[in-house]
């Protein structure tokens, strides 16, 4: 069985989320105010994204949004779902 990749707009939007999470985490290492719990929650939300993009299936976007929303229910920033949706919107232009 051949595995499907996510559609290009979804790939671009998810990569934007990963990019923001990466530089945000890097910047957090410079400040004592950010808890290790928040860093862990962020990476808990995004660590499945690369694998999910490579095994895209019906319901995969719902799964992706669930990961993003789980983080956003705990922390106000970065707003992962907003980043994803903005990147999708930008790719439609």
PDB file of N, CA and C in Angstrom:
ATOM      1  N   UNK A   1       0.836  -1.174   0.000  1.00  0.00           N
ATOM      2  CA  UNK A   1       0.000   0.000   0.000  1.00  0.00           C
ATOM      3  C   UNK A   1       0.890   1.248   0.000  1.00  0.00           C
ATOM      4  N   UNK A   2       0.546   2.187  -0.861  1.00  0.00           N
ATOM      5  CA  UNK A   2       1.328   3.423  -0.972  1.00  0.00           C
ATOM      6  C   UNK A   2       0.833   4.441   0.048  1.00  0.00           C
ATOM      7  N   UNK A   3       1.777   5.034   0.747  1.00  0.00           N
ATOM      8  CA  UNK A   3       1.423   6.069   1.729  1.00  0.00           C
ATOM      9  C   UNK A   3       1.285   7.396   1.019  1.00  0.00           C
ATOM     10  N   UNK A   4       0.312   8.157   1.442  1.00  0.00           N
ATOM     11  CA  UNK A   4       0.035   9.465   0.855  1.00  0.00           C
ATOM     12  C   UNK A   4       0.650  10.569   1.688  1.00  0.00           C
ATOM     13  N   UNK A   5       1.186  11.558   1.016  1.00  0.00           N
ATOM     14  CA  UNK A   5       1.652  12.774   1.677  1.00  0.00           C
ATOM     15  C   UNK A   5       0.483  13.741   1.776  1.00  0.00           C
ATOM     16  N   UNK A   6       0.579  14.635   2.733  1.00  0.00           N
ATOM     17  CA  UNK A   6      -0.435  15.683   2.877  1.00  0.00           C
ATOM     18  C   UNK A   6      -0.406  16.579   1.639  1.00  0.00           C
ATOM     19  N   UNK A   7      -1.522  17.208   1.304  1.00  0.00           N
ATOM     20  CA  UNK A   7      -1.545  18.154   0.182  1.00  0.00           C
ATOM     21  C   UNK A   7      -0.575  19.315   0.435  1.00  0.00           C
ATOM     22  N   UNK A   8      -0.075  19.896  -0.635  1.00  0.00           N
ATOM     23  CA  UNK A   8       0.947  20.938  -0.507  1.00  0.00           C
ATOM     24  C   UNK A   8       0.554  22.099   0.404  1.00  0.00           C
ATOM     25  N   UNK A   9      -0.650  22.655   0.314  1.00  0.00           N
ATOM     26  CA  UNK A   9      -0.989  23.757   1.234  1.00  0.00           C
ATOM     27  C   UNK A   9      -0.909  23.325   2.709  1.00  0.00           C
ATOM     28  N   UNK A  10      -1.317  22.106   2.984  1.00  0.00           N
ATOM     29  CA  UNK A  10      -1.250  21.583   4.350  1.00  0.00           C
ATOM     30  C   UNK A  10       0.200  21.405   4.779  1.00  0.00           C
ATOM     31  N   UNK A  11       1.025  20.877   3.878  1.00  0.00           N
ATOM     32  CA  UNK A  11       2.458  20.729   4.184  1.00  0.00           C
ATOM     33  C   UNK A  11       3.072  22.078   4.537  1.00  0.00           C
ATOM     34  N   UNK A  12       2.788  23.076   3.716  1.00  0.00           N
ATOM     35  CA  UNK A  12       3.357  24.405   3.953  1.00  0.00           C
ATOM     36  C   UNK A  12       2.891  24.982   5.294  1.00  0.00           C
ATOM     37  N   UNK A  13       1.609  24.823   5.586  1.00  0.00           N
ATOM     38  CA  UNK A  13       1.062  25.365   6.833  1.00  0.00           C
ATOM     39  C   UNK A  13       1.642  24.641   8.042  1.00  0.00           C
ATOM     40  N   UNK A  14       1.748  23.322   7.961  1.00  0.00           N
ATOM     41  CA  UNK A  14       2.307  22.552   9.075  1.00  0.00           C
ATOM     42  C   UNK A  14       3.790  22.863   9.254  1.00  0.00           C
ATOM     43  N   UNK A  15       4.505  23.041   8.155  1.00  0.00           N
ATOM     44  CA  UNK A  15       5.922  23.418   8.265  1.00  0.00           C
ATOM     45  C   UNK A  15       6.075  24.790   8.902  1.00  0.00           C
ATOM     46  N   UNK A  16       5.146  25.674   8.653  1.00  0.00           N
ATOM     47  CA  UNK A  16       5.186  26.998   9.298  1.00  0.00           C
ATOM     48  C   UNK A  16       5.029  26.848  10.813  1.00  0.00           C
ATOM     49  N   UNK A  17       4.115  25.974  11.239  1.00  0.00           N
ATOM     50  CA  UNK A  17       3.934  25.717  12.672  1.00  0.00           C
ATOM     51  C   UNK A  17       5.227  25.180  13.270  1.00  0.00           C
ATOM     52  N   UNK A  18       5.861  24.222  12.598  1.00  0.00           N
ATOM     53  CA  UNK A  18       7.113  23.652  13.103  1.00  0.00           C
ATOM     54  C   UNK A  18       8.211  24.703  13.172  1.00  0.00           C
ATOM     55  N   UNK A  19       8.273  25.564  12.174  1.00  0.00           N
ATOM     56  CA  UNK A  19       9.270  26.637  12.156  1.00  0.00           C
ATOM     57  C   UNK A  19       9.083  27.577  13.345  1.00  0.00           C
ATOM     58  N   UNK A  20       7.848  28.017  13.563  1.00  0.00           N
ATOM     59  CA  UNK A  20       7.573  28.928  14.679  1.00  0.00           C
ATOM     60  C   UNK A  20       7.872  28.251  16.011  1.00  0.00           C
ATOM     61  N   UNK A  21       7.462  26.994  16.162  1.00  0.00           N
ATOM     62  CA  UNK A  21       7.728  26.266  17.409  1.00  0.00           C
ATOM     63  C   UNK A  21       9.229  26.125  17.642  1.00  0.00           C
ATOM     64  N   UNK A  22       9.984  25.907  16.581  1.00  0.00           N
ATOM     65  CA  UNK A  22      11.432  25.749  16.715  1.00  0.00           C
ATOM     66  C   UNK A  22      12.106  27.029  17.174  1.00  0.00           C
ATOM     67  N   UNK A  23      11.828  28.136  16.485  1.00  0.00           N
ATOM     68  CA  UNK A  23      12.514  29.365  16.904  1.00  0.00           C
ATOM     69  C   UNK A  23      11.986  29.886  18.234  1.00  0.00           C
ATOM     70  N   UNK A  24      10.720  29.610  18.533  1.00  0.00           N
ATOM     71  CA  UNK A  24      10.182  30.019  19.831  1.00  0.00           C
ATOM     72  C   UNK A  24      10.885  29.276  20.956  1.00  0.00           C
ATOM     73  N   UNK A  25      11.044  27.982  20.791  1.00  0.00           N
ATOM     74  CA  UNK A  25      11.734  27.181  21.806  1.00  0.00           C
ATOM     75  C   UNK A  25      13.174  27.650  21.975  1.00  0.00           C
ATOM     76  N   UNK A  26      13.832  27.899  20.859  1.00  0.00           N
ATOM     77  CA  UNK A  26      15.214  28.399  20.933  1.00  0.00           C
ATOM     78  C   UNK A  26      15.267  29.704  21.710  1.00  0.00           C
ATOM     79  N   UNK A  27      14.344  30.612  21.426  1.00  0.00           N
ATOM     80  CA  UNK A  27      14.328  31.896  22.129  1.00  0.00           C
ATOM     81  C   UNK A  27      14.002  31.738  23.610  1.00  0.00           C
ATOM     82  N   UNK A  28      13.159  30.765  23.928  1.00  0.00           N
ATOM     83  CA  UNK A  28      12.821  30.528  25.329  1.00  0.00           C
ATOM     84  C   UNK A  28      14.030  30.113  26.144  1.00  0.00           C
ATOM     85  N   UNK A  29      14.999  29.497  25.527  1.00  0.00           N
ATOM     86  CA  UNK A  29      16.185  29.070  26.286  1.00  0.00           C
ATOM     87  C   UNK A  29      16.962  30.265  26.840  1.00  0.00           C
ATOM     88  N   UNK A  30      16.679  31.447  26.345  1.00  0.00           N
ATOM     89  CA  UNK A  30      17.366  32.659  26.802  1.00  0.00           C
ATOM     90  C   UNK A  30      16.681  33.312  27.998  1.00  0.00           C
ATOM     91  N   UNK A  31      15.516  32.787  28.398  1.00  0.00           N
ATOM     92  CA  UNK A  31      14.739  33.404  29.467  1.00  0.00           C
ATOM     93  C   UNK A  31      14.396  32.377  30.538  1.00  0.00           C
ATOM     94  N   UNK A  32      14.491  32.786  31.757  1.00  0.00           N
ATOM     95  CA  UNK A  32      14.167  31.905  32.877  1.00  0.00           C
ATOM     96  C   UNK A  32      12.664  31.817  33.137  1.00  0.00           C
ATOM     97  N   UNK A  33      11.878  32.761  32.582  1.00  0.00           N
ATOM     98  CA  UNK A  33      10.451  32.822  32.895  1.00  0.00           C
ATOM     99  C   UNK A  33       9.637  31.697  32.270  1.00  0.00           C
ATOM    100  N   UNK A  34      10.134  31.075  31.245  1.00  0.00           N
ATOM    101  CA  UNK A  34       9.373  30.030  30.559  1.00  0.00           C
ATOM    102  C   UNK A  34       9.605  28.699  31.263  1.00  0.00           C
ATOM    103  N   UNK A  35       8.503  28.035  31.562  1.00  0.00           N
ATOM    104  CA  UNK A  35       8.619  26.777  32.311  1.00  0.00           C
ATOM    105  C   UNK A  35       8.986  25.616  31.389  1.00  0.00           C
ATOM    106  N   UNK A  36       9.645  24.661  31.970  1.00  0.00           N
ATOM    107  CA  UNK A  36       9.941  23.427  31.238  1.00  0.00           C
ATOM    108  C   UNK A  36       8.649  22.731  30.851  1.00  0.00           C
ATOM    109  N   UNK A  37       7.610  22.891  31.641  1.00  0.00           N
ATOM    110  CA  UNK A  37       6.299  22.305  31.333  1.00  0.00           C
ATOM    111  C   UNK A  37       5.762  22.856  30.016  1.00  0.00           C
ATOM    112  N   UNK A  38       5.910  24.174  29.804  1.00  0.00           N
ATOM    113  CA  UNK A  38       5.413  24.760  28.557  1.00  0.00           C
ATOM    114  C   UNK A  38       6.213  24.260  27.363  1.00  0.00           C
ATOM    115  N   UNK A  39       7.517  24.177  27.506  1.00  0.00           N
ATOM    116  CA  UNK A  39       8.353  23.652  26.422  1.00  0.00           C
ATOM    117  C   UNK A  39       7.940  22.216  26.102  1.00  0.00           C
ATOM    118  N   UNK A  40       7.750  21.415  27.141  1.00  0.00           N
ATOM    119  CA  UNK A  40       7.334  20.030  26.940  1.00  0.00           C
ATOM    120  C   UNK A  40       5.965  19.954  26.274  1.00  0.00           C
ATOM    121  N   UNK A  41       5.026  20.764  26.697  1.00  0.00           N
ATOM    122  CA  UNK A  41       3.692  20.756  26.099  1.00  0.00           C
ATOM    123  C   UNK A  41       3.738  21.156  24.624  1.00  0.00           C
ATOM    124  N   UNK A  42       4.582  22.122  24.306  1.00  0.00           N
ATOM    125  CA  UNK A  42       4.720  22.534  22.908  1.00  0.00           C
ATOM    126  C   UNK A  42       5.228  21.377  22.053  1.00  0.00           C
ATOM    127  N   UNK A  43       6.286  20.727  22.509  1.00  0.00           N
ATOM    128  CA  UNK A  43       6.845  19.627  21.729  1.00  0.00           C
ATOM    129  C   UNK A  43       5.959  18.392  21.752  1.00  0.00           C
ATOM    130  N   UNK A  44       5.192  18.226  22.799  1.00  0.00           N
ATOM    131  CA  UNK A  44       4.205  17.141  22.820  1.00  0.00           C
ATOM    132  C   UNK A  44       3.163  17.359  21.713  1.00  0.00           C
ATOM    133  N   UNK A  45       2.820  18.621  21.486  1.00  0.00           N
ATOM    134  CA  UNK A  45       1.825  18.943  20.462  1.00  0.00           C
ATOM    135  C   UNK A  45       2.365  18.770  19.047  1.00  0.00           C
ATOM    136  N   UNK A  46       3.633  19.010  18.829  1.00  0.00           N
ATOM    137  CA  UNK A  46       4.131  19.032  17.445  1.00  0.00           C
ATOM    138  C   UNK A  46       4.968  17.829  17.042  1.00  0.00           C
ATOM    139  N   UNK A  47       5.363  16.997  17.968  1.00  0.00           N
ATOM    140  CA  UNK A  47       6.309  15.939  17.591  1.00  0.00           C
ATOM    141  C   UNK A  47       5.727  14.918  16.623  1.00  0.00           C
ATOM    142  N   UNK A  48       4.422  14.768  16.569  1.00  0.00           N
ATOM    143  CA  UNK A  48       3.787  13.818  15.652  1.00  0.00           C
ATOM    144  C   UNK A  48       3.549  14.396  14.258  1.00  0.00           C
ATOM    145  N   UNK A  49       3.689  15.691  14.108  1.00  0.00           N
ATOM    146  CA  UNK A  49       3.335  16.337  12.841  1.00  0.00           C
ATOM    147  C   UNK A  49       4.133  15.798  11.648  1.00  0.00           C
ATOM    148  N   UNK A  50       5.453  15.677  11.703  1.00  0.00           N
ATOM    149  CA  UNK A  50       6.166  15.175  10.516  1.00  0.00           C
ATOM    150  C   UNK A  50       5.683  13.783  10.076  1.00  0.00           C
ATOM    151  N   UNK A  51       5.486  12.886  11.025  1.00  0.00           N
ATOM    152  CA  UNK A  51       5.015  11.552  10.677  1.00  0.00           C
ATOM    153  C   UNK A  51       3.605  11.605  10.099  1.00  0.00           C
ATOM    154  N   UNK A  52       2.738  12.405  10.688  1.00  0.00           N
ATOM    155  CA  UNK A  52       1.371  12.528  10.206  1.00  0.00           C
ATOM    156  C   UNK A  52       1.342  13.055   8.773  1.00  0.00           C
ATOM    157  N   UNK A  53       2.182  14.007   8.457  1.00  0.00           N
ATOM    158  CA  UNK A  53       2.222  14.561   7.098  1.00  0.00           C
ATOM    159  C   UNK A  53       2.633  13.513   6.070  1.00  0.00           C
ATOM    160  N   UNK A  54       3.399  12.543   6.497  1.00  0.00           N
ATOM    161  CA  UNK A  54       3.876  11.486   5.586  1.00  0.00           C
ATOM    162  C   UNK A  54       2.926  10.293   5.498  1.00  0.00           C
ATOM    163  N   UNK A  55       1.931  10.243   6.345  1.00  0.00           N
ATOM    164  CA  UNK A  55       0.939   9.147   6.302  1.00  0.00           C
ATOM    165  C   UNK A  55      -0.469   9.738   6.296  1.00  0.00           C
ATOM    166  N   UNK A  56      -0.667  10.689   5.419  1.00  0.00           N
ATOM    167  CA  UNK A  56      -1.922  11.432   5.355  1.00  0.00           C
ATOM    168  C   UNK A  56      -3.073  10.488   5.028  1.00  0.00           C
ATOM    169  N   UNK A  57      -4.206  10.709   5.679  1.00  0.00           N
ATOM    170  CA  UNK A  57      -5.385   9.861   5.506  1.00  0.00           C
ATOM    171  C   UNK A  57      -6.620  10.685   5.790  1.00  0.00           C
ATOM    172  N   UNK A  58      -7.780  10.129   5.493  1.00  0.00           N
ATOM    173  CA  UNK A  58      -9.022  10.811   5.855  1.00  0.00           C
ATOM    174  C   UNK A  58      -9.029  11.008   7.369  1.00  0.00           C
ATOM    175  N   UNK A  59      -9.291  12.186   7.786  1.00  0.00           N
ATOM    176  CA  UNK A  59      -9.292  12.484   9.213  1.00  0.00           C
ATOM    177  C   UNK A  59      -7.953  12.972   9.739  1.00  0.00           C
ATOM    178  N   UNK A  60      -6.916  13.011   8.894  1.00  0.00           N
ATOM    179  CA  UNK A  60      -5.585  13.424   9.358  1.00  0.00           C
ATOM    180  C   UNK A  60      -5.561  14.896   9.757  1.00  0.00           C
ATOM    181  N   UNK A  61      -6.269  15.735   9.017  1.00  0.00           N
ATOM    182  CA  UNK A  61      -6.262  17.154   9.401  1.00  0.00           C
ATOM    183  C   UNK A  61      -6.958  17.341  10.745  1.00  0.00           C
ATOM    184  N   UNK A  62      -8.006  16.599  10.982  1.00  0.00           N
ATOM    185  CA  UNK A  62      -8.683  16.660  12.288  1.00  0.00           C
ATOM    186  C   UNK A  62      -7.713  16.254  13.399  1.00  0.00           C
ATOM    187  N   UNK A  63      -6.896  15.225  13.144  1.00  0.00           N
ATOM    188  CA  UNK A  63      -5.887  14.793  14.115  1.00  0.00           C
ATOM    189  C   UNK A  63      -4.847  15.889  14.342  1.00  0.00           C
ATOM    190  N   UNK A  64      -4.380  16.493  13.264  1.00  0.00           N
ATOM    191  CA  UNK A  64      -3.405  17.579  13.359  1.00  0.00           C
ATOM    192  C   UNK A  64      -3.959  18.730  14.192  1.00  0.00           C
ATOM    193  N   UNK A  65      -5.180  19.133  13.906  1.00  0.00           N
ATOM    194  CA  UNK A  65      -5.794  20.242  14.640  1.00  0.00           C
ATOM    195  C   UNK A  65      -6.001  19.889  16.115  1.00  0.00           C
ATOM    196  N   UNK A  66      -6.264  18.622  16.396  1.00  0.00           N
ATOM    197  CA  UNK A  66      -6.409  18.191  17.788  1.00  0.00           C
ATOM    198  C   UNK A  66      -5.106  18.430  18.555  1.00  0.00           C
ATOM    199  N   UNK A  67      -3.964  18.093  17.942  1.00  0.00           N
ATOM    200  CA  UNK A  67      -2.670  18.322  18.593  1.00  0.00           C
ATOM    201  C   UNK A  67      -2.455  19.809  18.852  1.00  0.00           C
ATOM    202  N   UNK A  68      -2.750  20.627  17.841  1.00  0.00           N
ATOM    203  CA  UNK A  68      -2.553  22.073  17.987  1.00  0.00           C
ATOM    204  C   UNK A  68      -3.475  22.650  19.055  1.00  0.00           C
ATOM    205  N   UNK A  69      -4.711  22.213  19.052  1.00  0.00           N
ATOM    206  CA  UNK A  69      -5.686  22.713  20.029  1.00  0.00           C
ATOM    207  C   UNK A  69      -5.338  22.302  21.455  1.00  0.00           C
ATOM    208  N   UNK A  70      -4.817  21.099  21.626  1.00  0.00           N
ATOM    209  CA  UNK A  70      -4.428  20.656  22.973  1.00  0.00           C
ATOM    210  C   UNK A  70      -3.429  21.622  23.594  1.00  0.00           C
ATOM    211  N   UNK A  71      -2.453  22.038  22.803  1.00  0.00           N
ATOM    212  CA  UNK A  71      -1.479  23.010  23.304  1.00  0.00           C
ATOM    213  C   UNK A  71      -2.167  24.341  23.595  1.00  0.00           C
ATOM    214  N   UNK A  72      -2.996  24.805  22.652  1.00  0.00           N
ATOM    215  CA  UNK A  72      -3.627  26.114  22.797  1.00  0.00           C
ATOM    216  C   UNK A  72      -4.605  26.182  23.959  1.00  0.00           C
ATOM    217  N   UNK A  73      -5.128  25.072  24.400  1.00  0.00           N
ATOM    218  CA  UNK A  73      -6.001  25.081  25.580  1.00  0.00           C
ATOM    219  C   UNK A  73      -5.199  25.291  26.862  1.00  0.00           C
ATOM    220  N   UNK A  74      -3.907  24.993  26.814  1.00  0.00           N
ATOM    221  CA  UNK A  74      -3.053  25.149  28.000  1.00  0.00           C
ATOM    222  C   UNK A  74      -2.291  26.466  28.012  1.00  0.00           C
ATOM    223  N   UNK A  75      -1.893  26.943  26.825  1.00  0.00           N
ATOM    224  CA  UNK A  75      -0.993  28.093  26.737  1.00  0.00           C
ATOM    225  C   UNK A  75      -1.485  29.070  25.672  1.00  0.00           C
ATOM    226  N   UNK A  76      -1.341  30.364  25.918  1.00  0.00           N
ATOM    227  CA  UNK A  76      -1.820  31.349  24.947  1.00  0.00           C
ATOM    228  C   UNK A  76      -0.876  31.569  23.758  1.00  0.00           C
ATOM    229  N   UNK A  77       0.385  31.209  23.938  1.00  0.00           N
ATOM    230  CA  UNK A  77       1.367  31.539  22.902  1.00  0.00           C
ATOM    231  C   UNK A  77       2.435  30.455  22.811  1.00  0.00           C
ATOM    232  N   UNK A  78       2.914  30.169  21.635  1.00  0.00           N
ATOM    233  CA  UNK A  78       2.403  30.603  20.339  1.00  0.00           C
ATOM    234  C   UNK A  78       1.064  29.929  20.040  1.00  0.00           C
ATOM    235  N   UNK A  79       0.210  30.633  19.343  1.00  0.00           N
ATOM    236  CA  UNK A  79      -1.117  30.088  19.028  1.00  0.00           C
ATOM    237  C   UNK A  79      -0.981  29.216  17.774  1.00  0.00           C
ATOM    238  N   UNK A  80      -0.788  27.926  17.996  1.00  0.00           N
ATOM    239  CA  UNK A  80      -0.451  27.003  16.910  1.00  0.00           C
ATOM    240  C   UNK A  80      -1.539  26.899  15.852  1.00  0.00           C
ATOM    241  N   UNK A  81      -2.775  26.765  16.277  1.00  0.00           N
ATOM    242  CA  UNK A  81      -3.852  26.639  15.290  1.00  0.00           C
ATOM    243  C   UNK A  81      -3.970  27.916  14.456  1.00  0.00           C
ATOM    244  N   UNK A  82      -3.831  29.067  15.092  1.00  0.00           N
ATOM    245  CA  UNK A  82      -3.884  30.329  14.360  1.00  0.00           C
ATOM    246  C   UNK A  82      -2.766  30.434  13.333  1.00  0.00           C
ATOM    247  N   UNK A  83      -1.575  29.982  13.703  1.00  0.00           N
ATOM    248  CA  UNK A  83      -0.430  29.993  12.779  1.00  0.00           C
ATOM    249  C   UNK A  83      -0.731  29.085  11.586  1.00  0.00           C
ATOM    250  N   UNK A  84      -1.252  27.894  11.876  1.00  0.00           N
ATOM    251  CA  UNK A  84      -1.591  26.931  10.821  1.00  0.00           C
ATOM    252  C   UNK A  84      -2.656  27.509   9.886  1.00  0.00           C
ATOM    253  N   UNK A  85      -3.733  28.023  10.454  1.00  0.00           N
ATOM    254  CA  UNK A  85      -4.820  28.540   9.632  1.00  0.00           C
ATOM    255  C   UNK A  85      -4.402  29.757   8.816  1.00  0.00           C
ATOM    256  N   UNK A  86      -3.563  30.624   9.392  1.00  0.00           N
ATOM    257  CA  UNK A  86      -3.078  31.787   8.646  1.00  0.00           C
ATOM    258  C   UNK A  86      -2.204  31.346   7.476  1.00  0.00           C
ATOM    259  N   UNK A  87      -1.356  30.360   7.705  1.00  0.00           N
ATOM    260  CA  UNK A  87      -0.489  29.860   6.633  1.00  0.00           C
ATOM    261  C   UNK A  87      -1.326  29.205   5.529  1.00  0.00           C
ATOM    262  N   UNK A  88      -2.383  28.490   5.880  1.00  0.00           N
ATOM    263  CA  UNK A  88      -3.291  27.916   4.869  1.00  0.00           C
ATOM    264  C   UNK A  88      -3.948  29.022   4.052  1.00  0.00           C
ATOM    265  N   UNK A  89      -4.408  30.043   4.760  1.00  0.00           N
ATOM    266  CA  UNK A  89      -5.048  31.165   4.079  1.00  0.00           C
ATOM    267  C   UNK A  89      -4.065  31.871   3.149  1.00  0.00           C
ATOM    268  N   UNK A  90      -2.838  32.073   3.612  1.00  0.00           N
ATOM    269  CA  UNK A  90      -1.823  32.731   2.798  1.00  0.00           C
ATOM    270  C   UNK A  90      -1.494  31.916   1.541  1.00  0.00           C
ATOM    271  N   UNK A  91      -1.546  30.582   1.647  1.00  0.00           N
ATOM    272  CA  UNK A  91      -1.208  29.752   0.489  1.00  0.00           C
ATOM    273  C   UNK A  91      -2.335  29.748  -0.538  1.00  0.00           C
ATOM    274  N   UNK A  92      -3.535  30.161  -0.133  1.00  0.00           N
ATOM    275  CA  UNK A  92      -4.669  30.210  -1.058  1.00  0.00           C
ATOM    276  C   UNK A  92      -4.644  31.472  -1.910  1.00  0.00           C
ATOM    277  N   UNK A  93      -3.839  32.431  -1.533  1.00  0.00           N
ATOM    278  CA  UNK A  93      -3.784  33.714  -2.265  1.00  0.00           C
ATOM    279  C   UNK A  93      -2.981  33.556  -3.521  1.00  0.00           C
TER     280      UNK A  93
END
